[in-house]
Amino acid sequence: MKENGLGKVFIKNLVMAIPWGIIFLIVFFIVSIGVKQQIKESVQFAARMAITEASNNVLAYPVFSRIKQNTKESIEFSAKALGQELKGLLNDPQVKENLKEILEAGAKK
């Protein structure tokens, strides 16, 4: 048997290792992309759940239910007051005349 030199043995093993190295890199990149996506989705899910839980816990306090009720009542009161003001304003004869003139001028153009 012929003995190979150290250099030839090294080159022979290097040539045999290169395809396995390429396969390893391809598999590594595929797995890292999949893991990266899973980590991203899990962080997004955790953030959404944390926000939901925090808002549910905070809004469960009685103070916030009273604030919600007061806000609702103030919006209803404002809408009723605005409606009454508009009715009173539209019933004014001078305003009716001005609106009529504005509509007629708009129709002429």
C-alpha atoms as a PDB file:
ATOM      1  CA  MET A   1       0.000   0.000   0.000  1.00  0.00           C
ATOM      2  CA  LYS A   2       1.144   3.388  -0.856  1.00  0.00           C
ATOM      3  CA  GLU A   3       1.276   5.908   1.938  1.00  0.00           C
ATOM      4  CA  ASN A   4      -0.215   9.275   1.231  1.00  0.00           C
ATOM      5  CA  GLY A   5       1.482  12.380   2.428  1.00  0.00           C
ATOM      6  CA  LEU A   6      -0.050  14.554   5.131  1.00  0.00           C
ATOM      7  CA  GLY A   7      -0.963  17.215   2.587  1.00  0.00           C
ATOM      8  CA  LYS A   8      -2.791  14.740   0.344  1.00  0.00           C
ATOM      9  CA  VAL A   9      -4.754  13.327   3.297  1.00  0.00           C
ATOM     10  CA  PHE A  10      -5.693  16.845   4.374  1.00  0.00           C
ATOM     11  CA  ILE A  11      -6.860  17.838   0.875  1.00  0.00           C
ATOM     12  CA  LYS A  12      -8.796  14.584   0.459  1.00  0.00           C
ATOM     13  CA  ASN A  13     -10.655  15.082   3.766  1.00  0.00           C
ATOM     14  CA  LEU A  14     -11.231  18.779   3.018  1.00  0.00           C
ATOM     15  CA  VAL A  15     -12.797  17.935  -0.341  1.00  0.00           C
ATOM     16  CA  MET A  16     -15.053  15.366   1.366  1.00  0.00           C
ATOM     17  CA  ALA A  17     -16.027  17.871   4.096  1.00  0.00           C
ATOM     18  CA  ILE A  18     -16.971  20.775   1.789  1.00  0.00           C
ATOM     19  CA  PRO A  19     -20.308  19.273   0.575  1.00  0.00           C
ATOM     20  CA  TRP A  20     -21.270  18.454   4.176  1.00  0.00           C
ATOM     21  CA  GLY A  21     -20.375  21.994   5.203  1.00  0.00           C
ATOM     22  CA  ILE A  22     -22.555  23.438   2.439  1.00  0.00           C
ATOM     23  CA  ILE A  23     -25.463  21.180   3.432  1.00  0.00           C
ATOM     24  CA  PHE A  24     -24.988  22.204   7.079  1.00  0.00           C
ATOM     25  CA  LEU A  25     -25.038  25.914   6.168  1.00  0.00           C
ATOM     26  CA  ILE A  26     -28.186  25.528   4.061  1.00  0.00           C
ATOM     27  CA  VAL A  27     -29.990  23.638   6.826  1.00  0.00           C
ATOM     28  CA  PHE A  28     -28.738  26.154   9.416  1.00  0.00           C
ATOM     29  CA  PHE A  29     -30.059  29.137   7.421  1.00  0.00           C
ATOM     30  CA  ILE A  30     -33.433  27.479   6.819  1.00  0.00           C
ATOM     31  CA  VAL A  31     -33.825  26.652  10.500  1.00  0.00           C
ATOM     32  CA  SER A  32     -32.675  30.115  11.595  1.00  0.00           C
ATOM     33  CA  ILE A  33     -35.226  31.779   9.304  1.00  0.00           C
ATOM     34  CA  GLY A  34     -38.012  29.583  10.711  1.00  0.00           C
ATOM     35  CA  VAL A  35     -36.941  30.180  14.302  1.00  0.00           C
ATOM     36  CA  LYS A  36     -36.624  33.902  13.668  1.00  0.00           C
ATOM     37  CA  GLN A  37     -40.227  34.028  12.405  1.00  0.00           C
ATOM     38  CA  GLN A  38     -41.470  32.013  15.393  1.00  0.00           C
ATOM     39  CA  ILE A  39     -39.653  34.304  17.825  1.00  0.00           C
ATOM     40  CA  LYS A  40     -41.092  37.377  16.108  1.00  0.00           C
ATOM     41  CA  GLU A  41     -44.630  35.984  16.264  1.00  0.00           C
ATOM     42  CA  SER A  42     -44.254  34.970  19.911  1.00  0.00           C
ATOM     43  CA  VAL A  43     -43.014  38.441  20.887  1.00  0.00           C
ATOM     44  CA  GLN A  44     -45.943  40.053  19.064  1.00  0.00           C
ATOM     45  CA  PHE A  45     -48.395  37.680  20.749  1.00  0.00           C
ATOM     46  CA  ALA A  46     -46.888  38.357  24.177  1.00  0.00           C
ATOM     47  CA  ALA A  47     -47.100  42.117  23.624  1.00  0.00           C
ATOM     48  CA  ARG A  48     -50.757  41.903  22.523  1.00  0.00           C
ATOM     49  CA  MET A  49     -51.652  39.736  25.514  1.00  0.00           C
ATOM     50  CA  ALA A  50     -49.821  42.046  27.925  1.00  0.00           C
ATOM     51  CA  ILE A  51     -51.675  45.082  26.572  1.00  0.00           C
ATOM     52  CA  THR A  52     -55.024  43.277  26.720  1.00  0.00           C
ATOM     53  CA  GLU A  53     -54.482  42.032  30.268  1.00  0.00           C
ATOM     54  CA  ALA A  54     -53.248  45.413  31.479  1.00  0.00           C
ATOM     55  CA  SER A  55     -56.192  47.260  29.973  1.00  0.00           C
ATOM     56  CA  ASN A  56     -58.672  44.721  31.361  1.00  0.00           C
ATOM     57  CA  ASN A  57     -57.156  44.956  34.846  1.00  0.00           C
ATOM     58  CA  VAL A  58     -57.045  48.752  34.810  1.00  0.00           C
ATOM     59  CA  LEU A  59     -60.555  49.172  33.420  1.00  0.00           C
ATOM     60  CA  ALA A  60     -61.954  46.790  36.060  1.00  0.00           C
ATOM     61  CA  TYR A  61     -61.491  49.429  38.779  1.00  0.00           C
ATOM     62  CA  PRO A  62     -64.731  51.223  39.788  1.00  0.00           C
ATOM     63  CA  VAL A  63     -63.201  54.630  39.082  1.00  0.00           C
ATOM     64  CA  PHE A  64     -62.993  53.896  35.387  1.00  0.00           C
ATOM     65  CA  SER A  65     -66.590  52.685  35.173  1.00  0.00           C
ATOM     66  CA  ARG A  66     -67.693  55.995  36.713  1.00  0.00           C
ATOM     67  CA  ILE A  67     -65.498  57.928  34.284  1.00  0.00           C
ATOM     68  CA  LYS A  68     -66.997  55.966  31.392  1.00  0.00           C
ATOM     69  CA  GLN A  69     -70.534  56.690  32.638  1.00  0.00           C
ATOM     70  CA  ASN A  70     -69.779  60.407  33.137  1.00  0.00           C
ATOM     71  CA  THR A  71     -68.266  60.655  29.677  1.00  0.00           C
ATOM     72  CA  LYS A  72     -71.309  58.988  28.138  1.00  0.00           C
ATOM     73  CA  GLU A  73     -73.676  61.316  29.991  1.00  0.00           C
ATOM     74  CA  SER A  74     -71.667  64.414  29.039  1.00  0.00           C
ATOM     75  CA  ILE A  75     -71.726  63.433  25.360  1.00  0.00           C
ATOM     76  CA  GLU A  76     -75.477  62.857  25.503  1.00  0.00           C
ATOM     77  CA  PHE A  77     -76.009  66.214  27.243  1.00  0.00           C
ATOM     78  CA  SER A  78     -73.830  68.021  24.703  1.00  0.00           C
ATOM     79  CA  ALA A  79     -75.695  66.427  21.799  1.00  0.00           C
ATOM     80  CA  LYS A  80     -79.077  67.421  23.257  1.00  0.00           C
ATOM     81  CA  ALA A  81     -77.897  70.982  23.964  1.00  0.00           C
ATOM     82  CA  LEU A  82     -76.467  71.323  20.460  1.00  0.00           C
ATOM     83  CA  GLY A  83     -79.696  70.003  18.956  1.00  0.00           C
ATOM     84  CA  GLN A  84     -81.766  72.530  20.912  1.00  0.00           C
ATOM     85  CA  GLU A  85     -79.425  75.358  19.899  1.00  0.00           C
ATOM     86  CA  LEU A  86     -79.669  74.367  16.237  1.00  0.00           C
ATOM     87  CA  LYS A  87     -83.456  74.174  16.400  1.00  0.00           C
ATOM     88  CA  GLY A  88     -83.599  77.598  18.011  1.00  0.00           C
ATOM     89  CA  LEU A  89     -81.180  79.017  15.472  1.00  0.00           C
ATOM     90  CA  LEU A  90     -83.044  77.539  12.498  1.00  0.00           C
ATOM     91  CA  ASN A  91     -86.358  78.875  13.795  1.00  0.00           C
ATOM     92  CA  ASP A  92     -84.959  82.421  13.728  1.00  0.00           C
ATOM     93  CA  PRO A  93     -86.534  84.238  10.722  1.00  0.00           C
ATOM     94  CA  GLN A  94     -83.349  86.170   9.916  1.00  0.00           C
ATOM     95  CA  VAL A  95     -81.309  82.969   9.763  1.00  0.00           C
ATOM     96  CA  LYS A  96     -83.926  81.342   7.531  1.00  0.00           C
ATOM     97  CA  GLU A  97     -83.757  84.311   5.173  1.00  0.00           C
ATOM     98  CA  ASN A  98     -79.936  84.223   5.089  1.00  0.00           C
ATOM     99  CA  LEU A  99     -79.921  80.477   4.372  1.00  0.00           C
ATOM    100  CA  LYS A 100     -82.460  80.956   1.608  1.00  0.00           C
ATOM    101  CA  GLU A 101     -80.290  83.657  -0.005  1.00  0.00           C
ATOM    102  CA  ILE A 102     -77.161  81.496   0.272  1.00  0.00           C
ATOM    103  CA  LEU A 103     -78.925  78.527  -1.370  1.00  0.00           C
ATOM    104  CA  GLU A 104     -80.315  80.681  -4.155  1.00  0.00           C
ATOM    105  CA  ALA A 105     -76.869  82.202  -4.814  1.00  0.00           C
ATOM    106  CA  GLY A 106     -75.354  78.715  -4.888  1.00  0.00           C
ATOM    107  CA  ALA A 107     -78.000  77.499  -7.311  1.00  0.00           C
ATOM    108  CA  LYS A 108     -77.291  80.395  -9.718  1.00  0.00           C
ATOM    109  CA  LYS A 109     -73.602  79.494  -9.969  1.00  0.00           C
END
